């Protein structure tokens, strides 16, 4: 499945994963065919690196690195109330298509940053912690329930707390803990 996914969804020109294909597995025409979701770039990179770790193989390092590079270059807000947060959608050339911020892409970015921290990236740990703090400050704090989507100013656009987000949150927190990113949480294999 991974090989088929990479063969048909990986855009070799941009190093990104396409969101929509035709039934013939060709790029969808128009703007939908150019749509890239930074959350999926991070998620696919994490999945590929997890497979590589479990298989003790480096063959997936290159596509994972390309996905992370695309996400880093185009997928995160550089300023404003949500500086450091992953956009909902950009184009294959990096143009921001949706200057809005769903919760789940933030969790996928944290997972990717946790792996990069474990691999020795000197800035990834600080970025993961900053994104976790931003996530709790903007999507959770002073709200009766966490929200699903915010605008660029941090205002709620979708206030319902979707239960399907729970597994995203749990995995992000678990991956950060496994990487030793959270205070007072021992790394996997360490005694508390």
Protein backbone atom coordinates (compact mmCIF):
# COMPACT_ATOMS: atom_id res chain seq x y z
CA UNK A 1 0.00 0.00 0.00
CA UNK A 2 2.83 2.38 0.82
CA UNK A 3 4.52 1.75 -2.54
CA UNK A 4 1.26 2.33 -4.42
CA UNK A 5 0.56 5.45 -2.36
CA UNK A 6 3.99 6.93 -3.06
CA UNK A 7 3.84 5.96 -6.74
CA UNK A 8 0.53 7.74 -7.31
CA UNK A 9 0.19 10.43 -4.63
CA UNK A 10 3.79 11.67 -4.35
CA UNK A 11 4.37 14.71 -6.55
CA UNK A 12 7.99 14.32 -7.57
CA UNK A 13 8.25 17.94 -8.73
CA UNK A 14 7.32 19.49 -5.39
CA UNK A 15 8.12 16.63 -3.01
CA UNK A 16 4.59 16.68 -1.65
CA UNK A 17 1.58 14.40 -1.36
CA UNK A 18 -1.38 15.25 -3.57
CA UNK A 19 -4.78 15.30 -1.91
CA UNK A 20 -6.98 14.46 -4.88
CA UNK A 21 -6.52 12.22 -7.91
CA UNK A 22 -8.78 11.16 -10.77
CA UNK A 23 -10.18 7.60 -10.84
CA UNK A 24 -7.25 6.82 -13.17
CA UNK A 25 -4.84 7.94 -10.40
CA UNK A 26 -3.78 11.05 -12.29
CA UNK A 27 -3.57 14.55 -10.79
CA UNK A 28 -6.99 16.13 -10.60
CA UNK A 29 -7.26 19.12 -12.97
CA UNK A 30 -7.52 22.62 -11.59
CA UNK A 31 -6.91 23.93 -8.11
CA UNK A 32 -8.02 20.71 -6.39
CA UNK A 33 -5.16 18.90 -8.10
CA UNK A 34 -2.68 21.44 -6.70
CA UNK A 35 -4.01 21.23 -3.13
CA UNK A 36 -1.58 20.05 -0.45
CA UNK A 37 -2.42 19.75 3.23
CA UNK A 38 0.58 20.34 5.51
CA UNK A 39 -0.96 18.00 8.06
CA UNK A 40 -0.80 15.16 5.54
CA UNK A 41 2.78 16.03 4.57
CA UNK A 42 3.73 15.67 8.26
CA UNK A 43 1.59 12.56 8.77
CA UNK A 44 2.98 10.72 5.74
CA UNK A 45 6.54 11.65 6.75
CA UNK A 46 5.91 10.30 10.27
CA UNK A 47 4.35 7.09 8.90
CA UNK A 48 7.26 6.52 6.51
CA UNK A 49 9.85 7.12 9.22
CA UNK A 50 7.99 4.84 11.64
CA UNK A 51 7.94 2.08 9.01
CA UNK A 52 11.66 2.65 8.40
CA UNK A 53 12.37 2.46 12.14
CA UNK A 54 10.37 -0.72 12.62
CA UNK A 55 11.86 -2.34 9.51
CA UNK A 56 15.36 -1.06 10.38
CA UNK A 57 15.64 0.24 6.83
CA UNK A 58 16.70 3.61 5.46
CA UNK A 59 14.95 3.27 2.12
CA UNK A 60 12.08 5.56 3.14
CA UNK A 61 14.28 8.35 4.48
CA UNK A 62 14.38 10.22 1.17
CA UNK A 63 10.62 10.48 0.51
CA UNK A 64 10.05 11.32 4.19
CA UNK A 65 12.71 14.05 4.03
CA UNK A 66 11.11 15.52 0.90
CA UNK A 67 7.71 15.64 2.59
CA UNK A 68 9.18 17.28 5.69
CA UNK A 69 11.07 19.79 3.54
CA UNK A 70 7.87 20.75 1.68
CA UNK A 71 5.97 21.11 4.95
CA UNK A 72 8.75 23.20 6.51
CA UNK A 73 9.08 25.47 3.49
CA UNK A 74 5.37 26.10 2.85
CA UNK A 75 3.16 24.63 5.54
CA UNK A 76 3.52 26.82 8.64
CA UNK A 77 2.40 30.35 9.50
CA UNK A 78 5.44 32.63 9.77
CA UNK A 79 3.69 35.45 11.66
CA UNK A 80 0.48 36.42 13.38
CA UNK A 81 -1.55 34.97 16.22
CA UNK A 82 -0.92 31.42 15.00
CA UNK A 83 2.76 31.76 14.14
CA UNK A 84 4.22 28.26 13.93
CA UNK A 85 0.89 26.53 13.30
CA UNK A 86 0.28 24.32 10.26
CA UNK A 87 -2.06 25.77 7.63
CA UNK A 88 -5.05 23.77 6.44
CA UNK A 89 -4.01 23.90 2.78
CA UNK A 90 -1.36 25.27 0.46
CA UNK A 91 -0.76 24.73 -3.25
CA UNK A 92 1.94 22.49 -4.70
CA UNK A 93 3.95 25.68 -5.27
CA UNK A 94 3.50 26.82 -1.67
CA UNK A 95 0.81 29.46 -2.05
CA UNK A 96 -1.46 29.50 0.99
CA UNK A 97 -4.90 28.30 -0.14
CA UNK A 98 -6.59 28.23 3.27
CA UNK A 99 -5.30 30.62 5.93
CA UNK A 100 -7.20 28.61 8.53
CA UNK A 101 -5.99 26.11 11.09
CA UNK A 102 -7.60 22.78 11.91
CA UNK A 103 -6.49 21.07 15.12
CA UNK A 104 -5.40 17.74 13.62
CA UNK A 105 -2.56 19.15 11.43
CA UNK A 106 -0.97 20.60 14.56
CA UNK A 107 -0.85 17.14 16.12
CA UNK A 108 0.72 15.66 12.99
CA UNK A 109 3.35 18.43 12.98
CA UNK A 110 4.18 17.64 16.61
CA UNK A 111 4.67 13.97 15.71
CA UNK A 112 6.99 14.91 12.84
CA UNK A 113 8.95 17.33 15.02
CA UNK A 114 9.28 14.70 17.77
CA UNK A 115 10.91 12.32 15.29
CA UNK A 116 13.19 15.07 14.01
CA UNK A 117 14.18 15.87 17.61
CA UNK A 118 14.99 12.20 18.24
CA UNK A 119 17.08 12.19 15.06
CA UNK A 120 19.16 15.10 16.38
CA UNK A 121 17.56 18.20 14.83
CA UNK A 122 18.58 20.90 17.35
CA UNK A 123 15.48 23.08 16.81
CA UNK A 124 12.76 20.45 16.44
CA UNK A 125 12.19 19.89 20.16
CA UNK A 126 11.69 23.57 20.92
CA UNK A 127 9.35 23.89 17.94
CA UNK A 128 7.30 20.88 19.07
CA UNK A 129 6.96 22.28 22.59
CA UNK A 130 6.03 25.73 21.24
CA UNK A 131 3.41 24.19 18.94
CA UNK A 132 1.98 22.13 21.80
CA UNK A 133 1.68 25.28 23.94
CA UNK A 134 0.12 27.21 21.05
CA UNK A 135 -2.31 24.36 20.46
CA UNK A 136 -3.49 24.30 24.07
CA UNK A 137 -3.61 28.10 24.31
CA UNK A 138 -5.60 28.57 21.12
CA UNK A 139 -7.72 25.44 20.65
CA UNK A 140 -8.35 24.58 24.34
CA UNK A 141 -7.77 27.37 26.88
CA UNK A 142 -10.78 29.38 28.11
CA UNK A 143 -13.16 27.29 26.02
CA UNK A 144 -15.84 24.93 27.35
CA UNK A 145 -14.60 22.28 24.89
CA UNK A 146 -11.70 22.26 22.45
CA UNK A 147 -12.43 23.61 18.99
CA UNK A 148 -11.75 22.14 15.59
CA UNK A 149 -10.77 25.10 13.38
CA UNK A 150 -9.45 28.62 13.91
CA UNK A 151 -9.02 31.62 11.63
CA UNK A 152 -5.70 33.46 11.30
CA UNK A 153 -6.54 35.61 14.33
CA UNK A 154 -7.29 32.60 16.54
CA UNK A 155 -11.08 32.95 16.41
CA UNK A 156 -13.14 29.78 16.35
CA UNK A 157 -14.57 28.87 12.96
CA UNK A 158 -15.73 25.40 13.98
CA UNK A 159 -16.42 25.10 17.67
CA UNK A 160 -17.55 21.48 17.86
CA UNK A 161 -15.02 19.17 19.48
CA UNK A 162 -14.87 16.15 17.19
CA UNK A 163 -14.26 12.84 18.94
CA UNK A 164 -12.08 11.67 16.04
CA UNK A 165 -9.52 14.25 17.11
CA UNK A 166 -8.83 12.33 20.30
CA UNK A 167 -6.56 9.79 18.62
CA UNK A 168 -4.61 12.62 16.96
CA UNK A 169 -4.11 14.28 20.34
CA UNK A 170 -3.13 11.04 22.09
CA UNK A 171 -0.58 10.14 19.40
CA UNK A 172 0.96 13.62 19.41
CA UNK A 173 1.29 13.59 23.18
CA UNK A 174 2.63 10.01 23.15
CA UNK A 175 5.18 10.72 20.43
CA UNK A 176 6.36 13.84 22.24
CA UNK A 177 6.70 11.86 25.46
CA UNK A 178 8.58 9.09 23.67
CA UNK A 179 11.00 11.73 22.37
CA UNK A 180 11.40 13.20 25.87
CA UNK A 181 9.91 16.55 24.90
CA UNK A 182 7.47 17.09 27.75
CA UNK A 183 8.70 18.16 31.21
CA UNK A 184 8.60 15.51 33.90
CA UNK A 185 7.73 12.76 31.44
CA UNK A 186 10.46 10.09 31.18
CA UNK A 187 11.49 8.84 27.76
CA UNK A 188 10.46 5.35 26.74
CA UNK A 189 12.56 2.82 28.63
CA UNK A 190 13.45 5.19 31.49
CA UNK A 191 12.21 4.84 35.03
CA UNK A 192 10.05 7.65 36.39
